[in-house]
PDB file of all heavy atoms in Angstrom:
ATOM      1  N   VAL A   1      49.119 118.147  77.582  1.00  0.00           N
ATOM      2  CA  VAL A   1      49.849 117.491  78.631  1.00  0.00           C
ATOM      3  C   VAL A   1      51.099 118.285  78.962  1.00  0.00           C
ATOM      4  O   VAL A   1      51.562 119.099  78.087  1.00  0.00           O
ATOM      5  CB  VAL A   1      50.313 116.053  78.236  1.00  0.00           C
ATOM      6  CG1 VAL A   1      49.139 115.166  78.021  1.00  0.00           C
ATOM      7  CG2 VAL A   1      51.288 116.117  76.959  1.00  0.00           C
ATOM      8  N   HIS A   2      51.665 118.150  80.156  1.00  0.00           N
ATOM      9  CA  HIS A   2      52.843 118.802  80.609  1.00  0.00           C
ATOM     10  C   HIS A   2      53.936 117.762  80.798  1.00  0.00           C
ATOM     11  O   HIS A   2      53.778 116.813  81.552  1.00  0.00           O
ATOM     12  CB  HIS A   2      52.612 119.538  81.860  1.00  0.00           C
ATOM     13  CG  HIS A   2      51.367 120.422  81.840  1.00  0.00           C
ATOM     14  ND1 HIS A   2      51.422 121.683  81.227  1.00  0.00           N
ATOM     15  CD2 HIS A   2      50.177 120.257  82.300  1.00  0.00           C
ATOM     16  CE1 HIS A   2      50.213 122.216  81.348  1.00  0.00           C
ATOM     17  NE2 HIS A   2      49.429 121.413  81.971  1.00  0.00           N
ATOM     18  N   GLU A   3      55.018 117.844  80.053  1.00  0.00           N
ATOM     19  CA  GLU A   3      56.146 116.891  80.095  1.00  0.00           C
ATOM     20  C   GLU A   3      57.309 117.501  80.933  1.00  0.00           C
ATOM     21  O   GLU A   3      58.024 118.326  80.438  1.00  0.00           O
ATOM     22  CB  GLU A   3      56.574 116.526  78.746  1.00  0.00           C
ATOM     23  CG  GLU A   3      57.662 115.505  78.659  1.00  0.00           C
ATOM     24  CD  GLU A   3      58.262 115.416  77.268  1.00  0.00           C
ATOM     25  OE1 GLU A   3      57.504 114.931  76.291  1.00  0.00           O
ATOM     26  OE2 GLU A   3      59.389 115.713  77.084  1.00  0.00           O
ATOM     27  N   THR A   4      57.361 117.056  82.184  1.00  0.00           N
ATOM     28  CA  THR A   4      58.499 117.520  83.010  1.00  0.00           C
ATOM     29  C   THR A   4      59.732 116.737  82.531  1.00  0.00           C
ATOM     30  O   THR A   4      59.689 115.656  81.933  1.00  0.00           O
ATOM     31  CB  THR A   4      58.193 117.257  84.434  1.00  0.00           C
ATOM     32  OG1 THR A   4      58.052 115.842  84.649  1.00  0.00           O
ATOM     33  CG2 THR A   4      56.923 117.980  84.884  1.00  0.00           C
ATOM     34  N   PRO A   5      60.962 117.187  82.973  1.00  0.00           N
ATOM     35  CA  PRO A   5      62.042 116.372  82.678  1.00  0.00           C
ATOM     36  C   PRO A   5      62.034 114.956  83.277  1.00  0.00           C
ATOM     37  O   PRO A   5      62.478 114.053  82.646  1.00  0.00           O
ATOM     38  CB  PRO A   5      63.222 117.158  83.344  1.00  0.00           C
ATOM     39  CG  PRO A   5      62.734 118.561  83.283  1.00  0.00           C
ATOM     40  CD  PRO A   5      61.281 118.450  83.513  1.00  0.00           C
ATOM     41  N   ALA A   6      61.414 114.831  84.389  1.00  0.00           N
ATOM     42  CA  ALA A   6      61.250 113.417  85.008  1.00  0.00           C
ATOM     43  C   ALA A   6      60.323 112.603  84.168  1.00  0.00           C
ATOM     44  O   ALA A   6      60.589 111.368  83.960  1.00  0.00           O
ATOM     45  CB  ALA A   6      60.651 113.587  86.417  1.00  0.00           C
ATOM     46  N   LEU A   7      59.187 113.170  83.652  1.00  0.00           N
ATOM     47  CA  LEU A   7      58.291 112.352  82.829  1.00  0.00           C
ATOM     48  C   LEU A   7      58.977 112.033  81.509  1.00  0.00           C
ATOM     49  O   LEU A   7      58.703 110.991  80.873  1.00  0.00           O
ATOM     50  CB  LEU A   7      57.036 113.151  82.610  1.00  0.00           C
ATOM     51  CG  LEU A   7      56.087 113.207  83.799  1.00  0.00           C
ATOM     52  CD1 LEU A   7      54.819 114.001  83.436  1.00  0.00           C
ATOM     53  CD2 LEU A   7      55.718 111.824  84.351  1.00  0.00           C
ATOM     54  N   PHE A   8      59.794 112.950  81.016  1.00  0.00           N
ATOM     55  CA  PHE A   8      60.602 112.610  79.769  1.00  0.00           C
ATOM     56  C   PHE A   8      61.406 111.391  79.998  1.00  0.00           C
ATOM     57  O   PHE A   8      61.461 110.460  79.146  1.00  0.00           O
ATOM     58  CB  PHE A   8      61.426 113.855  79.379  1.00  0.00           C
ATOM     59  CG  PHE A   8      62.340 113.421  78.217  1.00  0.00           C
ATOM     60  CD1 PHE A   8      61.843 113.303  76.875  1.00  0.00           C
ATOM     61  CD2 PHE A   8      63.660 113.231  78.395  1.00  0.00           C
ATOM     62  CE1 PHE A   8      62.656 113.017  75.842  1.00  0.00           C
ATOM     63  CE2 PHE A   8      64.563 112.924  77.352  1.00  0.00           C
ATOM     64  CZ  PHE A   8      64.057 112.843  76.082  1.00  0.00           C
ATOM     65  N   GLU A   9      62.162 111.385  81.034  1.00  0.00           N
ATOM     66  CA  GLU A   9      63.084 110.235  81.317  1.00  0.00           C
ATOM     67  C   GLU A   9      62.294 108.974  81.568  1.00  0.00           C
ATOM     68  O   GLU A   9      62.758 107.913  81.100  1.00  0.00           O
ATOM     69  CB  GLU A   9      63.887 110.569  82.584  1.00  0.00           C
ATOM     70  CG  GLU A   9      64.950 111.693  82.283  1.00  0.00           C
ATOM     71  CD  GLU A   9      66.070 111.260  81.354  1.00  0.00           C
ATOM     72  OE1 GLU A   9      66.344 109.963  81.267  1.00  0.00           O
ATOM     73  OE2 GLU A   9      66.688 112.154  80.651  1.00  0.00           O
ATOM     74  N   ARG A  10      61.210 109.069  82.198  1.00  0.00           N
ATOM     75  CA  ARG A  10      60.510 107.857  82.632  1.00  0.00           C
ATOM     76  C   ARG A  10      59.510 107.272  81.521  1.00  0.00           C
ATOM     77  O   ARG A  10      59.438 106.108  81.368  1.00  0.00           O
ATOM     78  CB  ARG A  10      59.558 108.090  83.902  1.00  0.00           C
ATOM     79  CG  ARG A  10      59.087 106.809  84.536  1.00  0.00           C
ATOM     80  CD  ARG A  10      58.283 107.220  85.819  1.00  0.00           C
ATOM     81  NE  ARG A  10      56.864 107.434  85.531  1.00  0.00           N
ATOM     82  CZ  ARG A  10      56.163 108.396  86.177  1.00  0.00           C
ATOM     83  NH1 ARG A  10      56.758 109.180  87.017  1.00  0.00           N
ATOM     84  NH2 ARG A  10      54.884 108.538  85.862  1.00  0.00           N
ATOM     85  N   ILE A  11      58.898 108.231  80.748  1.00  0.00           N
ATOM     86  CA  ILE A  11      57.923 107.751  79.849  1.00  0.00           C
ATOM     87  C   ILE A  11      58.292 108.008  78.348  1.00  0.00           C
ATOM     88  O   ILE A  11      58.240 107.129  77.485  1.00  0.00           O
ATOM     89  CB  ILE A  11      56.529 108.481  80.001  1.00  0.00           C
ATOM     90  CG1 ILE A  11      56.061 108.080  81.442  1.00  0.00           C
ATOM     91  CG2 ILE A  11      55.530 108.146  79.045  1.00  0.00           C
ATOM     92  CD1 ILE A  11      54.775 108.845  81.886  1.00  0.00           C
ATOM     93  N   VAL A  12      58.724 109.309  77.988  1.00  0.00           N
ATOM     94  CA  VAL A  12      58.920 109.658  76.617  1.00  0.00           C
ATOM     95  C   VAL A  12      60.247 109.114  76.112  1.00  0.00           C
ATOM     96  O   VAL A  12      60.203 108.525  74.955  1.00  0.00           O
ATOM     97  CB  VAL A  12      58.883 111.153  76.526  1.00  0.00           C
ATOM     98  CG1 VAL A  12      59.068 111.582  75.062  1.00  0.00           C
ATOM     99  CG2 VAL A  12      57.566 111.753  77.019  1.00  0.00           C
ATOM    100  N   LYS A  13      61.270 109.181  76.848  1.00  0.00           N
ATOM    101  CA  LYS A  13      62.562 108.694  76.332  1.00  0.00           C
ATOM    102  C   LYS A  13      62.536 107.233  75.963  1.00  0.00           C
ATOM    103  O   LYS A  13      63.028 106.849  74.842  1.00  0.00           O
ATOM    104  CB  LYS A  13      63.655 109.048  77.292  1.00  0.00           C
ATOM    105  CG  LYS A  13      65.072 108.716  76.746  1.00  0.00           C
ATOM    106  CD  LYS A  13      66.097 109.192  77.676  1.00  0.00           C
ATOM    107  CE  LYS A  13      67.546 108.987  77.168  1.00  0.00           C
ATOM    108  NZ  LYS A  13      68.549 109.485  78.172  1.00  0.00           N
ATOM    109  N   PRO A  14      61.988 106.357  76.919  1.00  0.00           N
ATOM    110  CA  PRO A  14      61.888 104.909  76.475  1.00  0.00           C
ATOM    111  C   PRO A  14      60.971 104.684  75.252  1.00  0.00           C
ATOM    112  O   PRO A  14      61.292 103.763  74.454  1.00  0.00           O
ATOM    113  CB  PRO A  14      61.304 104.281  77.764  1.00  0.00           C
ATOM    114  CG  PRO A  14      61.650 105.222  78.844  1.00  0.00           C
ATOM    115  CD  PRO A  14      61.594 106.553  78.268  1.00  0.00           C
ATOM    116  N   TYR A  15      59.939 105.532  75.105  1.00  0.00           N
ATOM    117  CA  TYR A  15      59.075 105.398  73.960  1.00  0.00           C
ATOM    118  C   TYR A  15      59.841 105.745  72.661  1.00  0.00           C
ATOM    119  O   TYR A  15      59.718 104.998  71.651  1.00  0.00           O
ATOM    120  CB  TYR A  15      57.950 106.372  74.107  1.00  0.00           C
ATOM    121  CG  TYR A  15      57.049 106.527  72.890  1.00  0.00           C
ATOM    122  CD1 TYR A  15      56.019 105.621  72.672  1.00  0.00           C
ATOM    123  CD2 TYR A  15      57.121 107.648  72.050  1.00  0.00           C
ATOM    124  CE1 TYR A  15      55.166 105.781  71.522  1.00  0.00           C
ATOM    125  CE2 TYR A  15      56.344 107.794  70.939  1.00  0.00           C
ATOM    126  CZ  TYR A  15      55.397 106.837  70.682  1.00  0.00           C
ATOM    127  OH  TYR A  15      54.527 107.016  69.587  1.00  0.00           O
ATOM    128  N   ILE A  16      60.701 106.796  72.734  1.00  0.00           N
ATOM    129  CA  ILE A  16      61.442 107.097  71.541  1.00  0.00           C
ATOM    130  C   ILE A  16      62.486 106.066  71.259  1.00  0.00           C
ATOM    131  O   ILE A  16      62.707 105.623  70.092  1.00  0.00           O
ATOM    132  CB  ILE A  16      62.186 108.510  71.762  1.00  0.00           C
ATOM    133  CG1 ILE A  16      61.105 109.627  71.905  1.00  0.00           C
ATOM    134  CG2 ILE A  16      63.113 108.793  70.615  1.00  0.00           C
ATOM    135  CD1 ILE A  16      61.726 111.071  72.260  1.00  0.00           C
ATOM    136  N   THR A  17      63.235 105.607  72.271  1.00  0.00           N
ATOM    137  CA  THR A  17      64.246 104.608  72.069  1.00  0.00           C
ATOM    138  C   THR A  17      63.673 103.294  71.508  1.00  0.00           C
ATOM    139  O   THR A  17      64.439 102.534  70.834  1.00  0.00           O
ATOM    140  CB  THR A  17      64.897 104.302  73.453  1.00  0.00           C
ATOM    141  OG1 THR A  17      65.393 105.558  74.043  1.00  0.00           O
ATOM    142  CG2 THR A  17      66.096 103.367  73.317  1.00  0.00           C
ATOM    143  N   ALA A  18      62.424 102.967  71.888  1.00  0.00           N
ATOM    144  CA  ALA A  18      61.875 101.669  71.410  1.00  0.00           C
ATOM    145  C   ALA A  18      61.545 101.670  69.917  1.00  0.00           C
ATOM    146  O   ALA A  18      61.214 100.589  69.359  1.00  0.00           O
ATOM    147  CB  ALA A  18      60.684 101.324  72.225  1.00  0.00           C
ATOM    148  N   PHE A  19      61.549 102.895  69.280  1.00  0.00           N
ATOM    149  CA  PHE A  19      61.172 102.961  67.893  1.00  0.00           C
ATOM    150  C   PHE A  19      62.129 102.107  67.022  1.00  0.00           C
ATOM    151  O   PHE A  19      63.397 102.318  67.141  1.00  0.00           O
ATOM    152  CB  PHE A  19      61.097 104.380  67.366  1.00  0.00           C
ATOM    153  CG  PHE A  19      59.703 104.987  67.469  1.00  0.00           C
ATOM    154  CD1 PHE A  19      59.217 105.448  68.619  1.00  0.00           C
ATOM    155  CD2 PHE A  19      58.948 105.022  66.253  1.00  0.00           C
ATOM    156  CE1 PHE A  19      58.007 105.928  68.626  1.00  0.00           C
ATOM    157  CE2 PHE A  19      57.703 105.581  66.318  1.00  0.00           C
ATOM    158  CZ  PHE A  19      57.159 106.071  67.541  1.00  0.00           C
ATOM    159  N   PRO A  20      61.679 101.186  66.188  1.00  0.00           N
ATOM    160  CA  PRO A  20      62.546 100.440  65.351  1.00  0.00           C
ATOM    161  C   PRO A  20      63.219 101.253  64.250  1.00  0.00           C
ATOM    162  O   PRO A  20      62.527 102.222  63.809  1.00  0.00           O
ATOM    163  CB  PRO A  20      61.702  99.273  64.772  1.00  0.00           C
ATOM    164  CG  PRO A  20      60.268  99.955  64.779  1.00  0.00           C
ATOM    165  CD  PRO A  20      60.246 100.792  66.046  1.00  0.00           C
ATOM    166  N   PRO A  21      64.397 100.879  63.872  1.00  0.00           N
ATOM    167  CA  PRO A  21      65.051 101.711  62.723  1.00  0.00           C
ATOM    168  C   PRO A  21      64.271 101.732  61.447  1.00  0.00           C
ATOM    169  O   PRO A  21      64.272 102.680  60.676  1.00  0.00           O
ATOM    170  CB  PRO A  21      66.368 100.984  62.502  1.00  0.00           C
ATOM    171  CG  PRO A  21      66.654 100.294  63.874  1.00  0.00           C
ATOM    172  CD  PRO A  21      65.283  99.902  64.334  1.00  0.00           C
ATOM    173  N   SER A  22      63.364 100.775  61.190  1.00  0.00           N
ATOM    174  CA  SER A  22      62.574 100.680  60.059  1.00  0.00           C
ATOM    175  C   SER A  22      61.696 101.864  59.935  1.00  0.00           C
ATOM    176  O   SER A  22      61.289 102.220  58.807  1.00  0.00           O
ATOM    177  CB  SER A  22      61.871  99.363  59.960  1.00  0.00           C
ATOM    178  OG  SER A  22      60.961  99.279  61.045  1.00  0.00           O
ATOM    179  N   ARG A  23      61.287 102.423  61.087  1.00  0.00           N
ATOM    180  CA  ARG A  23      60.310 103.607  61.020  1.00  0.00           C
ATOM    181  C   ARG A  23      60.970 104.864  60.347  1.00  0.00           C
ATOM    182  O   ARG A  23      60.189 105.712  59.819  1.00  0.00           O
ATOM    183  CB  ARG A  23      59.802 103.935  62.436  1.00  0.00           C
ATOM    184  CG  ARG A  23      58.934 102.883  62.984  1.00  0.00           C
ATOM    185  CD  ARG A  23      57.517 102.975  62.308  1.00  0.00           C
ATOM    186  NE  ARG A  23      56.939 104.209  62.321  1.00  0.00           N
ATOM    187  CZ  ARG A  23      56.235 104.660  63.372  1.00  0.00           C
ATOM    188  NH1 ARG A  23      56.090 103.950  64.449  1.00  0.00           N
ATOM    189  NH2 ARG A  23      55.710 105.957  63.319  1.00  0.00           N
ATOM    190  N   THR A  24      62.236 104.921  60.349  1.00  0.00           N
ATOM    191  CA  THR A  24      62.910 106.065  59.771  1.00  0.00           C
ATOM    192  C   THR A  24      63.803 105.700  58.588  1.00  0.00           C
ATOM    193  O   THR A  24      64.767 106.382  58.232  1.00  0.00           O
ATOM    194  CB  THR A  24      63.689 106.905  60.795  1.00  0.00           C
ATOM    195  OG1 THR A  24      64.605 105.964  61.529  1.00  0.00           O
ATOM    196  CG2 THR A  24      62.779 107.575  61.737  1.00  0.00           C
ATOM    197  N   GLN A  25      63.584 104.486  58.008  1.00  0.00           N
ATOM    198  CA  GLN A  25      64.463 104.041  56.939  1.00  0.00           C
ATOM    199  C   GLN A  25      64.299 104.964  55.737  1.00  0.00           C
ATOM    200  O   GLN A  25      65.241 105.172  54.969  1.00  0.00           O
ATOM    201  CB  GLN A  25      64.019 102.636  56.520  1.00  0.00           C
ATOM    202  CG  GLN A  25      64.861 101.976  55.429  1.00  0.00           C
ATOM    203  CD  GLN A  25      66.392 101.891  55.763  1.00  0.00           C
ATOM    204  OE1 GLN A  25      66.703 101.447  56.868  1.00  0.00           O
ATOM    205  NE2 GLN A  25      67.140 102.433  54.937  1.00  0.00           N
ATOM    206  N   TRP A  26      63.170 105.592  55.558  1.00  0.00           N
ATOM    207  CA  TRP A  26      62.963 106.543  54.466  1.00  0.00           C
ATOM    208  C   TRP A  26      63.916 107.744  54.607  1.00  0.00           C
ATOM    209  O   TRP A  26      64.396 108.354  53.666  1.00  0.00           O
ATOM    210  CB  TRP A  26      61.546 106.900  54.328  1.00  0.00           C
ATOM    211  CG  TRP A  26      61.049 107.683  55.492  1.00  0.00           C
ATOM    212  CD1 TRP A  26      60.474 107.240  56.619  1.00  0.00           C
ATOM    213  CD2 TRP A  26      60.956 109.133  55.540  1.00  0.00           C
ATOM    214  NE1 TRP A  26      60.086 108.269  57.408  1.00  0.00           N
ATOM    215  CE2 TRP A  26      60.319 109.456  56.827  1.00  0.00           C
ATOM    216  CE3 TRP A  26      61.245 110.219  54.689  1.00  0.00           C
ATOM    217  CZ2 TRP A  26      60.111 110.700  57.248  1.00  0.00           C
ATOM    218  CZ3 TRP A  26      61.045 111.503  55.187  1.00  0.00           C
ATOM    219  CH2 TRP A  26      60.507 111.726  56.424  1.00  0.00           C
ATOM    220  N   VAL A  27      64.161 108.145  55.904  1.00  0.00           N
ATOM    221  CA  VAL A  27      64.969 109.273  56.215  1.00  0.00           C
ATOM    222  C   VAL A  27      66.408 108.847  55.834  1.00  0.00           C
ATOM    223  O   VAL A  27      67.165 109.552  55.228  1.00  0.00           O
ATOM    224  CB  VAL A  27      64.931 109.668  57.681  1.00  0.00           C
ATOM    225  CG1 VAL A  27      65.942 110.802  57.989  1.00  0.00           C
ATOM    226  CG2 VAL A  27      63.476 110.153  58.002  1.00  0.00           C
ATOM    227  N   GLU A  28      66.851 107.566  56.256  1.00  0.00           N
ATOM    228  CA  GLU A  28      68.171 107.107  55.983  1.00  0.00           C
ATOM    229  C   GLU A  28      68.441 107.021  54.471  1.00  0.00           C
ATOM    230  O   GLU A  28      69.516 107.343  53.971  1.00  0.00           O
ATOM    231  CB  GLU A  28      68.394 105.743  56.571  1.00  0.00           C
ATOM    232  CG  GLU A  28      68.422 105.780  58.058  1.00  0.00           C
ATOM    233  CD  GLU A  28      69.587 106.521  58.568  1.00  0.00           C
ATOM    234  OE1 GLU A  28      70.722 106.514  57.959  1.00  0.00           O
ATOM    235  OE2 GLU A  28      69.525 107.089  59.704  1.00  0.00           O
ATOM    236  N   ASN A  29      67.369 106.705  53.676  1.00  0.00           N
ATOM    237  CA  ASN A  29      67.516 106.633  52.322  1.00  0.00           C
ATOM    238  C   ASN A  29      67.808 108.003  51.661  1.00  0.00           C
ATOM    239  O   ASN A  29      68.577 108.108  50.724  1.00  0.00           O
ATOM    240  CB  ASN A  29      66.215 106.125  51.570  1.00  0.00           C
ATOM    241  CG  ASN A  29      65.979 104.602  51.900  1.00  0.00           C
ATOM    242  OD1 ASN A  29      66.954 103.911  52.332  1.00  0.00           O
ATOM    243  ND2 ASN A  29      64.795 104.105  51.727  1.00  0.00           N
ATOM    244  N   ILE A  30      67.135 109.069  52.230  1.00  0.00           N
ATOM    245  CA  ILE A  30      67.492 110.457  51.735  1.00  0.00           C
ATOM    246  C   ILE A  30      68.955 110.813  52.142  1.00  0.00           C
ATOM    247  O   ILE A  30      69.673 111.330  51.266  1.00  0.00           O
ATOM    248  CB  ILE A  30      66.429 111.389  52.356  1.00  0.00           C
ATOM    249  CG1 ILE A  30      65.011 111.106  51.871  1.00  0.00           C
ATOM    250  CG2 ILE A  30      66.832 112.839  52.073  1.00  0.00           C
ATOM    251  CD1 ILE A  30      63.950 111.951  52.493  1.00  0.00           C
ATOM    252  N   LEU A  31      69.352 110.548  53.377  1.00  0.00           N
ATOM    253  CA  LEU A  31      70.656 110.950  53.862  1.00  0.00           C
ATOM    254  C   LEU A  31      71.754 110.237  53.166  1.00  0.00           C
ATOM    255  O   LEU A  31      72.850 110.765  52.928  1.00  0.00           O
ATOM    256  CB  LEU A  31      70.727 110.735  55.354  1.00  0.00           C
ATOM    257  CG  LEU A  31      69.847 111.583  56.267  1.00  0.00           C
ATOM    258  CD1 LEU A  31      69.980 111.241  57.644  1.00  0.00           C
ATOM    259  CD2 LEU A  31      70.163 113.094  56.053  1.00  0.00           C
ATOM    260  N   ASN A  32      71.440 108.963  52.817  1.00  0.00           N
ATOM    261  CA  ASN A  32      72.510 108.143  52.060  1.00  0.00           C
ATOM    262  C   ASN A  32      72.531 108.283  50.634  1.00  0.00           C
ATOM    263  O   ASN A  32      73.198 107.534  49.902  1.00  0.00           O
ATOM    264  CB  ASN A  32      72.362 106.696  52.570  1.00  0.00           C
ATOM    265  CG  ASN A  32      72.590 106.468  54.021  1.00  0.00           C
ATOM    266  OD1 ASN A  32      73.427 107.096  54.581  1.00  0.00           O
ATOM    267  ND2 ASN A  32      71.848 105.511  54.645  1.00  0.00           N
ATOM    268  N   GLY A  33      71.671 109.135  50.029  1.00  0.00           N
ATOM    269  CA  GLY A  33      71.624 109.345  48.657  1.00  0.00           C
ATOM    270  C   GLY A  33      70.881 108.253  47.855  1.00  0.00           C
ATOM    271  O   GLY A  33      71.085 108.094  46.628  1.00  0.00           O
ATOM    272  N   VAL A  34      70.051 107.458  48.514  1.00  0.00           N
ATOM    273  CA  VAL A  34      69.312 106.335  47.877  1.00  0.00           C
ATOM    274  C   VAL A  34      68.091 106.923  47.161  1.00  0.00           C
ATOM    275  O   VAL A  34      67.665 106.439  46.109  1.00  0.00           O
ATOM    276  CB  VAL A  34      69.002 105.206  48.820  1.00  0.00           C
ATOM    277  CG1 VAL A  34      68.094 104.190  48.222  1.00  0.00           C
ATOM    278  CG2 VAL A  34      70.152 104.594  49.395  1.00  0.00           C
ATOM    279  N   SER A  35      67.448 107.980  47.819  1.00  0.00           N
ATOM    280  CA  SER A  35      66.250 108.519  47.190  1.00  0.00           C
ATOM    281  C   SER A  35      66.310 110.008  47.284  1.00  0.00           C
ATOM    282  O   SER A  35      67.025 110.601  48.092  1.00  0.00           O
ATOM    283  CB  SER A  35      65.086 107.989  47.938  1.00  0.00           C
ATOM    284  OG  SER A  35      65.043 108.384  49.346  1.00  0.00           O
ATOM    285  N   GLU A  36      65.499 110.695  46.481  1.00  0.00           N
ATOM    286  CA  GLU A  36      65.313 112.173  46.412  1.00  0.00           C
ATOM    287  C   GLU A  36      66.617 112.938  46.183  1.00  0.00           C
ATOM    288  O   GLU A  36      66.753 114.074  46.579  1.00  0.00           O
ATOM    289  CB  GLU A  36      64.622 112.647  47.638  1.00  0.00           C
ATOM    290  CG  GLU A  36      63.274 111.945  47.848  1.00  0.00           C
ATOM    291  CD  GLU A  36      62.375 112.646  48.891  1.00  0.00           C
ATOM    292  OE1 GLU A  36      62.198 113.850  48.773  1.00  0.00           O
ATOM    293  OE2 GLU A  36      61.777 111.911  49.763  1.00  0.00           O
ATOM    294  N   VAL A  37      67.628 112.301  45.591  1.00  0.00           N
ATOM    295  CA  VAL A  37      68.969 112.987  45.389  1.00  0.00           C
ATOM    296  C   VAL A  37      68.772 114.227  44.568  1.00  0.00           C
ATOM    297  O   VAL A  37      69.427 115.278  44.779  1.00  0.00           O
ATOM    298  CB  VAL A  37      69.884 112.052  44.630  1.00  0.00           C
ATOM    299  CG1 VAL A  37      71.235 112.727  44.383  1.00  0.00           C
ATOM    300  CG2 VAL A  37      70.170 110.772  45.517  1.00  0.00           C
ATOM    301  N   GLU A  38      67.878 114.182  43.543  1.00  0.00           N
ATOM    302  CA  GLU A  38      67.675 115.294  42.618  1.00  0.00           C
ATOM    303  C   GLU A  38      67.009 116.442  43.244  1.00  0.00           C
ATOM    304  O   GLU A  38      66.949 117.605  42.713  1.00  0.00           O
ATOM    305  CB  GLU A  38      66.897 114.835  41.320  1.00  0.00           C
ATOM    306  CG  GLU A  38      65.417 114.469  41.573  1.00  0.00           C
ATOM    307  CD  GLU A  38      65.224 113.278  42.332  1.00  0.00           C
ATOM    308  OE1 GLU A  38      66.173 112.438  42.478  1.00  0.00           O
ATOM    309  OE2 GLU A  38      63.996 112.958  42.603  1.00  0.00           O
ATOM    310  N   LYS A  39      66.400 116.244  44.411  1.00  0.00           N
ATOM    311  CA  LYS A  39      65.695 117.335  45.093  1.00  0.00           C
ATOM    312  C   LYS A  39      66.452 118.119  46.096  1.00  0.00           C
ATOM    313  O   LYS A  39      66.010 119.185  46.601  1.00  0.00           O
ATOM    314  CB  LYS A  39      64.384 116.757  45.821  1.00  0.00           C
ATOM    315  CG  LYS A  39      63.308 116.159  44.880  1.00  0.00           C
ATOM    316  CD  LYS A  39      62.134 115.655  45.662  1.00  0.00           C
ATOM    317  CE  LYS A  39      61.048 115.168  44.842  1.00  0.00           C
ATOM    318  NZ  LYS A  39      59.897 114.715  45.618  1.00  0.00           N
ATOM    319  N   VAL A  40      67.673 117.616  46.407  1.00  0.00           N
ATOM    320  CA  VAL A  40      68.529 118.318  47.423  1.00  0.00           C
ATOM    321  C   VAL A  40      68.863 119.666  46.975  1.00  0.00           C
ATOM    322  O   VAL A  40      69.448 119.905  45.911  1.00  0.00           O
ATOM    323  CB  VAL A  40      69.693 117.443  47.778  1.00  0.00           C
ATOM    324  CG1 VAL A  40      70.698 118.160  48.710  1.00  0.00           C
ATOM    325  CG2 VAL A  40      69.280 116.092  48.393  1.00  0.00           C
ATOM    326  N   LEU A  41      68.572 120.682  47.789  1.00  0.00           N
ATOM    327  CA  LEU A  41      68.829 122.085  47.543  1.00  0.00           C
ATOM    328  C   LEU A  41      70.175 122.576  48.155  1.00  0.00           C
ATOM    329  O   LEU A  41      70.864 123.430  47.572  1.00  0.00           O
ATOM    330  CB  LEU A  41      67.735 122.956  48.079  1.00  0.00           C
ATOM    331  CG  LEU A  41      66.360 122.594  47.602  1.00  0.00           C
ATOM    332  CD1 LEU A  41      65.269 123.295  48.382  1.00  0.00           C
ATOM    333  CD2 LEU A  41      66.213 123.007  46.040  1.00  0.00           C
ATOM    334  N   TYR A  42      70.573 121.925  49.218  1.00  0.00           N
ATOM    335  CA  TYR A  42      71.869 122.282  49.907  1.00  0.00           C
ATOM    336  C   TYR A  42      72.232 121.114  50.764  1.00  0.00           C
ATOM    337  O   TYR A  42      71.411 120.419  51.317  1.00  0.00           O
ATOM    338  CB  TYR A  42      71.677 123.561  50.740  1.00  0.00           C
ATOM    339  CG  TYR A  42      72.942 123.929  51.545  1.00  0.00           C
ATOM    340  CD1 TYR A  42      73.949 124.554  50.943  1.00  0.00           C
ATOM    341  CD2 TYR A  42      73.077 123.566  52.883  1.00  0.00           C
ATOM    342  CE1 TYR A  42      75.153 124.872  51.592  1.00  0.00           C
ATOM    343  CE2 TYR A  42      74.207 123.807  53.551  1.00  0.00           C
ATOM    344  CZ  TYR A  42      75.204 124.494  52.972  1.00  0.00           C
ATOM    345  OH  TYR A  42      76.380 124.842  53.658  1.00  0.00           O
ATOM    346  N   GLN A  43      73.537 120.891  50.815  1.00  0.00           N
ATOM    347  CA  GLN A  43      74.063 119.783  51.688  1.00  0.00           C
ATOM    348  C   GLN A  43      75.350 120.166  52.386  1.00  0.00           C
ATOM    349  O   GLN A  43      76.274 120.802  51.802  1.00  0.00           O
ATOM    350  CB  GLN A  43      74.354 118.623  50.835  1.00  0.00           C
ATOM    351  CG  GLN A  43      74.989 117.414  51.688  1.00  0.00           C
ATOM    352  CD  GLN A  43      75.203 116.155  50.836  1.00  0.00           C
ATOM    353  OE1 GLN A  43      74.654 116.061  49.703  1.00  0.00           O
ATOM    354  NE2 GLN A  43      75.858 115.116  51.359  1.00  0.00           N
ATOM    355  N   ASP A  44      75.399 119.998  53.723  1.00  0.00           N
ATOM    356  CA  ASP A  44      76.642 120.132  54.587  1.00  0.00           C
ATOM    357  C   ASP A  44      76.860 118.711  54.994  1.00  0.00           C
ATOM    358  O   ASP A  44      76.106 118.119  55.814  1.00  0.00           O
ATOM    359  CB  ASP A  44      76.315 121.094  55.746  1.00  0.00           C
ATOM    360  CG  ASP A  44      77.536 121.083  56.637  1.00  0.00           C
ATOM    361  OD1 ASP A  44      78.430 120.257  56.596  1.00  0.00           O
ATOM    362  OD2 ASP A  44      77.517 122.092  57.430  1.00  0.00           O
ATOM    363  N   PRO A  45      77.917 118.042  54.452  1.00  0.00           N
ATOM    364  CA  PRO A  45      78.128 116.614  54.764  1.00  0.00           C
ATOM    365  C   PRO A  45      78.698 116.257  56.120  1.00  0.00           C
ATOM    366  O   PRO A  45      78.882 115.067  56.403  1.00  0.00           O
ATOM    367  CB  PRO A  45      79.109 116.248  53.670  1.00  0.00           C
ATOM    368  CG  PRO A  45      79.855 117.488  53.385  1.00  0.00           C
ATOM    369  CD  PRO A  45      78.962 118.628  53.620  1.00  0.00           C
TER     370      PRO A  45
END
């Protein structure tokens, strides 16, 4: 598929915005130090 800036604004951006925060809760857990703390190799806070 070819995603023009117009198609991004009309189709893709609303799709991304609609994602619930729960879908990336595991990412938040890593960033907030809830999980995988011992695996962090480098951090810029």
